[in-house]
Amino acid sequence: MLHPSYGDLMEVVNSEVQEGEAPIVNSRYSIVLATAKRARQLIGGSAPMVDPKARKPLSVAIDELYQGKLKIASKDEDEED
């Protein structure tokens, strides 16, 4: 089982969204894609933003997202970059 839950992760990611704006993450799929991409970066040699504690890269990526150290960019932000 995933700890924290998908619901908790979605709340953290969408916590900075202003009232009336569309949420950054609407589905579990977005959470899965973001954490998988970050896990691949960690496997490729990127430095973790949290203490890895000998955990697997996906667990570290989930922890980074939950602690707010990893941000998911909305489609609008991706197009601007």
PDB file of N, CA and C in Angstrom:
ATOM      1  N   MET A   1       0.842  -1.178   0.000  1.00  0.00           N
ATOM      2  CA  MET A   1       0.000   0.000   0.000  1.00  0.00           C
ATOM      3  C   MET A   1       0.885   1.238   0.000  1.00  0.00           C
ATOM      4  N   LEU A   2       0.416   2.247  -0.687  1.00  0.00           N
ATOM      5  CA  LEU A   2       1.158   3.491  -0.807  1.00  0.00           C
ATOM      6  C   LEU A   2       0.907   4.362   0.406  1.00  0.00           C
ATOM      7  N   HIS A   3       1.981   4.764   1.065  1.00  0.00           N
ATOM      8  CA  HIS A   3       1.881   5.684   2.196  1.00  0.00           C
ATOM      9  C   HIS A   3       2.764   6.876   1.900  1.00  0.00           C
ATOM     10  N   PRO A   4       2.313   8.035   1.841  1.00  0.00           N
ATOM     11  CA  PRO A   4       0.952   8.514   2.062  1.00  0.00           C
ATOM     12  C   PRO A   4       0.030   8.111   0.913  1.00  0.00           C
ATOM     13  N   SER A   5      -1.251   8.259   1.113  1.00  0.00           N
ATOM     14  CA  SER A   5      -2.230   7.853   0.106  1.00  0.00           C
ATOM     15  C   SER A   5      -2.218   8.830  -1.075  1.00  0.00           C
ATOM     16  N   TYR A   6      -2.822   8.381  -2.171  1.00  0.00           N
ATOM     17  CA  TYR A   6      -2.934   9.254  -3.338  1.00  0.00           C
ATOM     18  C   TYR A   6      -3.687  10.537  -2.988  1.00  0.00           C
ATOM     19  N   GLY A   7      -4.722  10.405  -2.195  1.00  0.00           N
ATOM     20  CA  GLY A   7      -5.498  11.576  -1.789  1.00  0.00           C
ATOM     21  C   GLY A   7      -4.648  12.587  -1.048  1.00  0.00           C
ATOM     22  N   ASP A   8      -3.815  12.096  -0.128  1.00  0.00           N
ATOM     23  CA  ASP A   8      -2.919  12.990   0.620  1.00  0.00           C
ATOM     24  C   ASP A   8      -1.925  13.685  -0.307  1.00  0.00           C
ATOM     25  N   LEU A   9      -1.375  12.926  -1.259  1.00  0.00           N
ATOM     26  CA  LEU A   9      -0.419  13.504  -2.194  1.00  0.00           C
ATOM     27  C   LEU A   9      -1.087  14.567  -3.073  1.00  0.00           C
ATOM     28  N   MET A  10      -2.312  14.296  -3.514  1.00  0.00           N
ATOM     29  CA  MET A  10      -3.023  15.260  -4.347  1.00  0.00           C
ATOM     30  C   MET A  10      -3.315  16.542  -3.565  1.00  0.00           C
ATOM     31  N   GLU A  11      -3.640  16.412  -2.279  1.00  0.00           N
ATOM     32  CA  GLU A  11      -3.876  17.594  -1.451  1.00  0.00           C
ATOM     33  C   GLU A  11      -2.619  18.438  -1.318  1.00  0.00           C
ATOM     34  N   VAL A  12      -1.466  17.792  -1.123  1.00  0.00           N
ATOM     35  CA  VAL A  12      -0.201  18.520  -0.978  1.00  0.00           C
ATOM     36  C   VAL A  12       0.136  19.254  -2.269  1.00  0.00           C
ATOM     37  N   VAL A  13       0.005  18.569  -3.397  1.00  0.00           N
ATOM     38  CA  VAL A  13       0.344  19.181  -4.680  1.00  0.00           C
ATOM     39  C   VAL A  13      -0.585  20.347  -4.992  1.00  0.00           C
ATOM     40  N   ASN A  14      -1.860  20.193  -4.692  1.00  0.00           N
ATOM     41  CA  ASN A  14      -2.841  21.231  -5.010  1.00  0.00           C
ATOM     42  C   ASN A  14      -2.996  22.280  -3.909  1.00  0.00           C
ATOM     43  N   SER A  15      -2.205  22.213  -2.862  1.00  0.00           N
ATOM     44  CA  SER A  15      -2.364  23.115  -1.723  1.00  0.00           C
ATOM     45  C   SER A  15      -2.085  24.579  -2.067  1.00  0.00           C
ATOM     46  N   GLU A  16      -1.272  24.840  -3.070  1.00  0.00           N
ATOM     47  CA  GLU A  16      -0.916  26.211  -3.424  1.00  0.00           C
ATOM     48  C   GLU A  16      -1.850  26.819  -4.465  1.00  0.00           C
ATOM     49  N   VAL A  17      -2.836  26.050  -4.920  1.00  0.00           N
ATOM     50  CA  VAL A  17      -3.776  26.537  -5.932  1.00  0.00           C
ATOM     51  C   VAL A  17      -4.767  27.484  -5.272  1.00  0.00           C
ATOM     52  N   GLN A  18      -4.950  28.637  -5.878  1.00  0.00           N
ATOM     53  CA  GLN A  18      -5.879  29.633  -5.359  1.00  0.00           C
ATOM     54  C   GLN A  18      -7.320  29.192  -5.620  1.00  0.00           C
ATOM     55  N   GLU A  19      -8.219  29.682  -4.816  1.00  0.00           N
ATOM     56  CA  GLU A  19      -9.628  29.351  -4.964  1.00  0.00           C
ATOM     57  C   GLU A  19     -10.120  29.810  -6.331  1.00  0.00           C
ATOM     58  N   GLY A  20     -10.822  28.950  -7.024  1.00  0.00           N
ATOM     59  CA  GLY A  20     -11.342  29.260  -8.347  1.00  0.00           C
ATOM     60  C   GLY A  20     -10.438  28.814  -9.479  1.00  0.00           C
ATOM     61  N   GLU A  21      -9.178  28.500  -9.190  1.00  0.00           N
ATOM     62  CA  GLU A  21      -8.254  28.019 -10.212  1.00  0.00           C
ATOM     63  C   GLU A  21      -8.388  26.514 -10.351  1.00  0.00           C
ATOM     64  N   ALA A  22      -8.003  26.010 -11.501  1.00  0.00           N
ATOM     65  CA  ALA A  22      -8.026  24.568 -11.732  1.00  0.00           C
ATOM     66  C   ALA A  22      -6.896  23.914 -10.945  1.00  0.00           C
ATOM     67  N   PRO A  23      -7.149  22.746 -10.363  1.00  0.00           N
ATOM     68  CA  PRO A  23      -6.085  22.060  -9.625  1.00  0.00           C
ATOM     69  C   PRO A  23      -4.967  21.609 -10.561  1.00  0.00           C
ATOM     70  N   ILE A  24      -3.759  21.539 -10.039  1.00  0.00           N
ATOM     71  CA  ILE A  24      -2.615  21.093 -10.830  1.00  0.00           C
ATOM     72  C   ILE A  24      -2.749  19.617 -11.157  1.00  0.00           C
ATOM     73  N   VAL A  25      -3.163  18.839 -10.176  1.00  0.00           N
ATOM     74  CA  VAL A  25      -3.305  17.392 -10.339  1.00  0.00           C
ATOM     75  C   VAL A  25      -4.769  17.019 -10.176  1.00  0.00           C
ATOM     76  N   ASN A  26      -5.306  16.337 -11.187  1.00  0.00           N
ATOM     77  CA  ASN A  26      -6.696  15.913 -11.148  1.00  0.00           C
ATOM     78  C   ASN A  26      -6.851  14.413 -10.961  1.00  0.00           C
ATOM     79  N   SER A  27      -5.765  13.669 -11.119  1.00  0.00           N
ATOM     80  CA  SER A  27      -5.897  12.212 -11.100  1.00  0.00           C
ATOM     81  C   SER A  27      -4.667  11.548 -10.489  1.00  0.00           C
ATOM     82  N   ARG A  28      -4.857  10.310 -10.147  1.00  0.00           N
ATOM     83  CA  ARG A  28      -3.739   9.510  -9.627  1.00  0.00           C
ATOM     84  C   ARG A  28      -2.675   9.320 -10.692  1.00  0.00           C
ATOM     85  N   TYR A  29      -3.105   9.270 -11.925  1.00  0.00           N
ATOM     86  CA  TYR A  29      -2.187   9.075 -13.043  1.00  0.00           C
ATOM     87  C   TYR A  29      -1.102  10.149 -13.048  1.00  0.00           C
ATOM     88  N   SER A  30      -1.462  11.378 -12.782  1.00  0.00           N
ATOM     89  CA  SER A  30      -0.491  12.473 -12.739  1.00  0.00           C
ATOM     90  C   SER A  30       0.540  12.261 -11.636  1.00  0.00           C
ATOM     91  N   ILE A  31       0.075  11.772 -10.497  1.00  0.00           N
ATOM     92  CA  ILE A  31       0.986  11.471  -9.374  1.00  0.00           C
ATOM     93  C   ILE A  31       1.953  10.364  -9.774  1.00  0.00           C
ATOM     94  N   VAL A  32       1.434   9.328 -10.418  1.00  0.00           N
ATOM     95  CA  VAL A  32       2.267   8.198 -10.839  1.00  0.00           C
ATOM     96  C   VAL A  32       3.324   8.656 -11.834  1.00  0.00           C
ATOM     97  N   LEU A  33       2.927   9.445 -12.828  1.00  0.00           N
ATOM     98  CA  LEU A  33       3.890   9.932 -13.814  1.00  0.00           C
ATOM     99  C   LEU A  33       4.983  10.793 -13.190  1.00  0.00           C
ATOM    100  N   ALA A  34       4.591  11.696 -12.316  1.00  0.00           N
ATOM    101  CA  ALA A  34       5.562  12.603 -11.698  1.00  0.00           C
ATOM    102  C   ALA A  34       6.562  11.849 -10.818  1.00  0.00           C
ATOM    103  N   THR A  35       6.061  10.929 -10.000  1.00  0.00           N
ATOM    104  CA  THR A  35       6.976  10.202  -9.116  1.00  0.00           C
ATOM    105  C   THR A  35       7.851   9.219  -9.897  1.00  0.00           C
ATOM    106  N   ALA A  36       7.314   8.630 -10.964  1.00  0.00           N
ATOM    107  CA  ALA A  36       8.122   7.720 -11.793  1.00  0.00           C
ATOM    108  C   ALA A  36       9.245   8.486 -12.492  1.00  0.00           C
ATOM    109  N   LYS A  37       8.928   9.676 -12.985  1.00  0.00           N
ATOM    110  CA  LYS A  37       9.948  10.494 -13.646  1.00  0.00           C
ATOM    111  C   LYS A  37      11.047  10.877 -12.661  1.00  0.00           C
ATOM    112  N   ARG A  38      10.653  11.270 -11.462  1.00  0.00           N
ATOM    113  CA  ARG A  38      11.638  11.643 -10.440  1.00  0.00           C
ATOM    114  C   ARG A  38      12.468  10.431 -10.018  1.00  0.00           C
ATOM    115  N   ALA A  39      11.835   9.262  -9.908  1.00  0.00           N
ATOM    116  CA  ALA A  39      12.572   8.049  -9.544  1.00  0.00           C
ATOM    117  C   ALA A  39      13.626   7.726 -10.603  1.00  0.00           C
ATOM    118  N   ARG A  40      13.292   7.919 -11.881  1.00  0.00           N
ATOM    119  CA  ARG A  40      14.273   7.696 -12.950  1.00  0.00           C
ATOM    120  C   ARG A  40      15.432   8.680 -12.831  1.00  0.00           C
ATOM    121  N   GLN A  41      15.137   9.922 -12.437  1.00  0.00           N
ATOM    122  CA  GLN A  41      16.208  10.903 -12.229  1.00  0.00           C
ATOM    123  C   GLN A  41      17.118  10.463 -11.092  1.00  0.00           C
ATOM    124  N   LEU A  42      16.528   9.954 -10.012  1.00  0.00           N
ATOM    125  CA  LEU A  42      17.329   9.482  -8.875  1.00  0.00           C
ATOM    126  C   LEU A  42      18.201   8.298  -9.277  1.00  0.00           C
ATOM    127  N   ILE A  43      17.646   7.380 -10.050  1.00  0.00           N
ATOM    128  CA  ILE A  43      18.427   6.235 -10.536  1.00  0.00           C
ATOM    129  C   ILE A  43      19.569   6.709 -11.419  1.00  0.00           C
ATOM    130  N   GLY A  44      19.317   7.774 -12.182  1.00  0.00           N
ATOM    131  CA  GLY A  44      20.329   8.329 -13.076  1.00  0.00           C
ATOM    132  C   GLY A  44      21.414   9.129 -12.382  1.00  0.00           C
ATOM    133  N   GLY A  45      21.291   9.321 -11.074  1.00  0.00           N
ATOM    134  CA  GLY A  45      22.357   9.991 -10.329  1.00  0.00           C
ATOM    135  C   GLY A  45      21.990  11.318  -9.692  1.00  0.00           C
ATOM    136  N   SER A  46      20.771  11.790  -9.864  1.00  0.00           N
ATOM    137  CA  SER A  46      20.364  13.041  -9.209  1.00  0.00           C
ATOM    138  C   SER A  46      20.403  12.883  -7.693  1.00  0.00           C
ATOM    139  N   ALA A  47      20.749  13.957  -7.030  1.00  0.00           N
ATOM    140  CA  ALA A  47      20.816  13.931  -5.565  1.00  0.00           C
ATOM    141  C   ALA A  47      19.402  13.987  -4.984  1.00  0.00           C
ATOM    142  N   PRO A  48      19.107  13.128  -4.013  1.00  0.00           N
ATOM    143  CA  PRO A  48      17.790  13.183  -3.372  1.00  0.00           C
ATOM    144  C   PRO A  48      17.639  14.445  -2.537  1.00  0.00           C
ATOM    145  N   MET A  49      16.403  14.960  -2.475  1.00  0.00           N
ATOM    146  CA  MET A  49      16.116  16.168  -1.702  1.00  0.00           C
ATOM    147  C   MET A  49      15.672  15.836  -0.280  1.00  0.00           C
ATOM    148  N   VAL A  50      15.557  14.557   0.043  1.00  0.00           N
ATOM    149  CA  VAL A  50      15.237  14.083   1.389  1.00  0.00           C
ATOM    150  C   VAL A  50      16.239  12.998   1.742  1.00  0.00           C
ATOM    151  N   ASP A  51      16.305  12.637   3.007  1.00  0.00           N
ATOM    152  CA  ASP A  51      17.202  11.569   3.436  1.00  0.00           C
ATOM    153  C   ASP A  51      16.721  10.243   2.849  1.00  0.00           C
ATOM    154  N   PRO A  52      17.530   9.593   2.002  1.00  0.00           N
ATOM    155  CA  PRO A  52      17.077   8.369   1.347  1.00  0.00           C
ATOM    156  C   PRO A  52      16.899   7.173   2.282  1.00  0.00           C
ATOM    157  N   LYS A  53      17.589   7.123   3.398  1.00  0.00           N
ATOM    158  CA  LYS A  53      17.460   6.045   4.382  1.00  0.00           C
ATOM    159  C   LYS A  53      17.459   4.656   3.737  1.00  0.00           C
ATOM    160  N   ALA A  54      18.281   4.471   2.713  1.00  0.00           N
ATOM    161  CA  ALA A  54      18.426   3.186   2.021  1.00  0.00           C
ATOM    162  C   ALA A  54      17.107   2.676   1.446  1.00  0.00           C
ATOM    163  N   ARG A  55      16.230   3.614   1.051  1.00  0.00           N
ATOM    164  CA  ARG A  55      14.959   3.231   0.441  1.00  0.00           C
ATOM    165  C   ARG A  55      15.096   3.217  -1.071  1.00  0.00           C
ATOM    166  N   LYS A  56      14.114   2.626  -1.708  1.00  0.00           N
ATOM    167  CA  LYS A  56      14.099   2.566  -3.166  1.00  0.00           C
ATOM    168  C   LYS A  56      13.801   3.950  -3.741  1.00  0.00           C
ATOM    169  N   PRO A  57      14.254   4.212  -4.976  1.00  0.00           N
ATOM    170  CA  PRO A  57      14.072   5.537  -5.582  1.00  0.00           C
ATOM    171  C   PRO A  57      12.616   6.004  -5.650  1.00  0.00           C
ATOM    172  N   LEU A  58      11.682   5.114  -5.902  1.00  0.00           N
ATOM    173  CA  LEU A  58      10.284   5.528  -5.969  1.00  0.00           C
ATOM    174  C   LEU A  58       9.785   5.997  -4.609  1.00  0.00           C
ATOM    175  N   SER A  59      10.184   5.327  -3.558  1.00  0.00           N
ATOM    176  CA  SER A  59       9.790   5.745  -2.206  1.00  0.00           C
ATOM    177  C   SER A  59      10.370   7.107  -1.869  1.00  0.00           C
ATOM    178  N   VAL A  60      11.593   7.353  -2.295  1.00  0.00           N
ATOM    179  CA  VAL A  60      12.221   8.652  -2.063  1.00  0.00           C
ATOM    180  C   VAL A  60      11.471   9.726  -2.842  1.00  0.00           C
ATOM    181  N   ALA A  61      11.103   9.445  -4.093  1.00  0.00           N
ATOM    182  CA  ALA A  61      10.376  10.411  -4.924  1.00  0.00           C
ATOM    183  C   ALA A  61       9.020  10.745  -4.303  1.00  0.00           C
ATOM    184  N   ILE A  62       8.322   9.749  -3.790  1.00  0.00           N
ATOM    185  CA  ILE A  62       7.026   9.979  -3.144  1.00  0.00           C
ATOM    186  C   ILE A  62       7.207  10.846  -1.907  1.00  0.00           C
ATOM    187  N   ASP A  63       8.247  10.566  -1.133  1.00  0.00           N
ATOM    188  CA  ASP A  63       8.519  11.356   0.073  1.00  0.00           C
ATOM    189  C   ASP A  63       8.851  12.802  -0.284  1.00  0.00           C
ATOM    190  N   GLU A  64       9.617  13.006  -1.355  1.00  0.00           N
ATOM    191  CA  GLU A  64       9.941  14.365  -1.801  1.00  0.00           C
ATOM    192  C   GLU A  64       8.667  15.124  -2.175  1.00  0.00           C
ATOM    193  N   LEU A  65       7.764  14.459  -2.875  1.00  0.00           N
ATOM    194  CA  LEU A  65       6.505  15.092  -3.272  1.00  0.00           C
ATOM    195  C   LEU A  65       5.660  15.412  -2.052  1.00  0.00           C
ATOM    196  N   TYR A  66       5.568  14.486  -1.118  1.00  0.00           N
ATOM    197  CA  TYR A  66       4.741  14.671   0.069  1.00  0.00           C
ATOM    198  C   TYR A  66       5.267  15.794   0.960  1.00  0.00           C
ATOM    199  N   GLN A  67       6.585  15.948   1.030  1.00  0.00           N
ATOM    200  CA  GLN A  67       7.177  17.007   1.855  1.00  0.00           C
ATOM    201  C   GLN A  67       7.210  18.357   1.146  1.00  0.00           C
ATOM    202  N   GLY A  68       6.736  18.400  -0.087  1.00  0.00           N
ATOM    203  CA  GLY A  68       6.671  19.658  -0.816  1.00  0.00           C
ATOM    204  C   GLY A  68       7.987  20.083  -1.445  1.00  0.00           C
ATOM    205  N   LYS A  69       8.951  19.207  -1.499  1.00  0.00           N
ATOM    206  CA  LYS A  69      10.249  19.548  -2.079  1.00  0.00           C
ATOM    207  C   LYS A  69      10.270  19.297  -3.584  1.00  0.00           C
ATOM    208  N   LEU A  70       9.305  18.550  -4.059  1.00  0.00           N
ATOM    209  CA  LEU A  70       9.167  18.256  -5.479  1.00  0.00           C
ATOM    210  C   LEU A  70       7.851  18.859  -5.939  1.00  0.00           C
ATOM    211  N   LYS A  71       7.890  19.659  -6.977  1.00  0.00           N
ATOM    212  CA  LYS A  71       6.694  20.325  -7.481  1.00  0.00           C
ATOM    213  C   LYS A  71       6.316  19.735  -8.833  1.00  0.00           C
ATOM    214  N   ILE A  72       5.028  19.634  -9.073  1.00  0.00           N
ATOM    215  CA  ILE A  72       4.520  19.213 -10.366  1.00  0.00           C
ATOM    216  C   ILE A  72       4.076  20.471 -11.087  1.00  0.00           C
ATOM    217  N   ALA A  73       4.632  20.704 -12.264  1.00  0.00           N
ATOM    218  CA  ALA A  73       4.275  21.897 -13.034  1.00  0.00           C
ATOM    219  C   ALA A  73       2.967  21.663 -13.767  1.00  0.00           C
ATOM    220  N   SER A  74       2.131  22.672 -13.799  1.00  0.00           N
ATOM    221  CA  SER A  74       0.891  22.581 -14.559  1.00  0.00           C
ATOM    222  C   SER A  74       1.219  22.687 -16.046  1.00  0.00           C
ATOM    223  N   LYS A  75       0.265  22.376 -16.899  1.00  0.00           N
ATOM    224  CA  LYS A  75       0.480  22.453 -18.338  1.00  0.00           C
ATOM    225  C   LYS A  75       0.861  23.864 -18.763  1.00  0.00           C
ATOM    226  N   ASP A  76       0.251  24.874 -18.141  1.00  0.00           N
ATOM    227  CA  ASP A  76       0.557  26.272 -18.470  1.00  0.00           C
ATOM    228  C   ASP A  76       2.010  26.595 -18.176  1.00  0.00           C
ATOM    229  N   GLU A  77       2.526  26.126 -17.046  1.00  0.00           N
ATOM    230  CA  GLU A  77       3.915  26.387 -16.662  1.00  0.00           C
ATOM    231  C   GLU A  77       4.866  25.675 -17.600  1.00  0.00           C
ATOM    232  N   ASP A  78       4.524  24.457 -18.060  1.00  0.00           N
ATOM    233  CA  ASP A  78       5.369  23.720 -18.992  1.00  0.00           C
ATOM    234  C   ASP A  78       5.481  24.455 -20.316  1.00  0.00           C
ATOM    235  N   GLU A  79       4.387  25.034 -20.798  1.00  0.00           N
ATOM    236  CA  GLU A  79       4.391  25.741 -22.073  1.00  0.00           C
ATOM    237  C   GLU A  79       5.211  27.022 -22.006  1.00  0.00           C
ATOM    238  N   GLU A  80       5.242  27.671 -20.835  1.00  0.00           N
ATOM    239  CA  GLU A  80       6.024  28.893 -20.664  1.00  0.00           C
ATOM    240  C   GLU A  80       7.510  28.608 -20.694  1.00  0.00           C
ATOM    241  N   ASP A  81       7.946  27.464 -20.169  1.00  0.00           N
ATOM    242  CA  ASP A  81       9.360  27.098 -20.124  1.00  0.00           C
ATOM    243  C   ASP A  81       9.799  26.648 -21.480  1.00  0.00           C
TER     244      ASP A  81
END
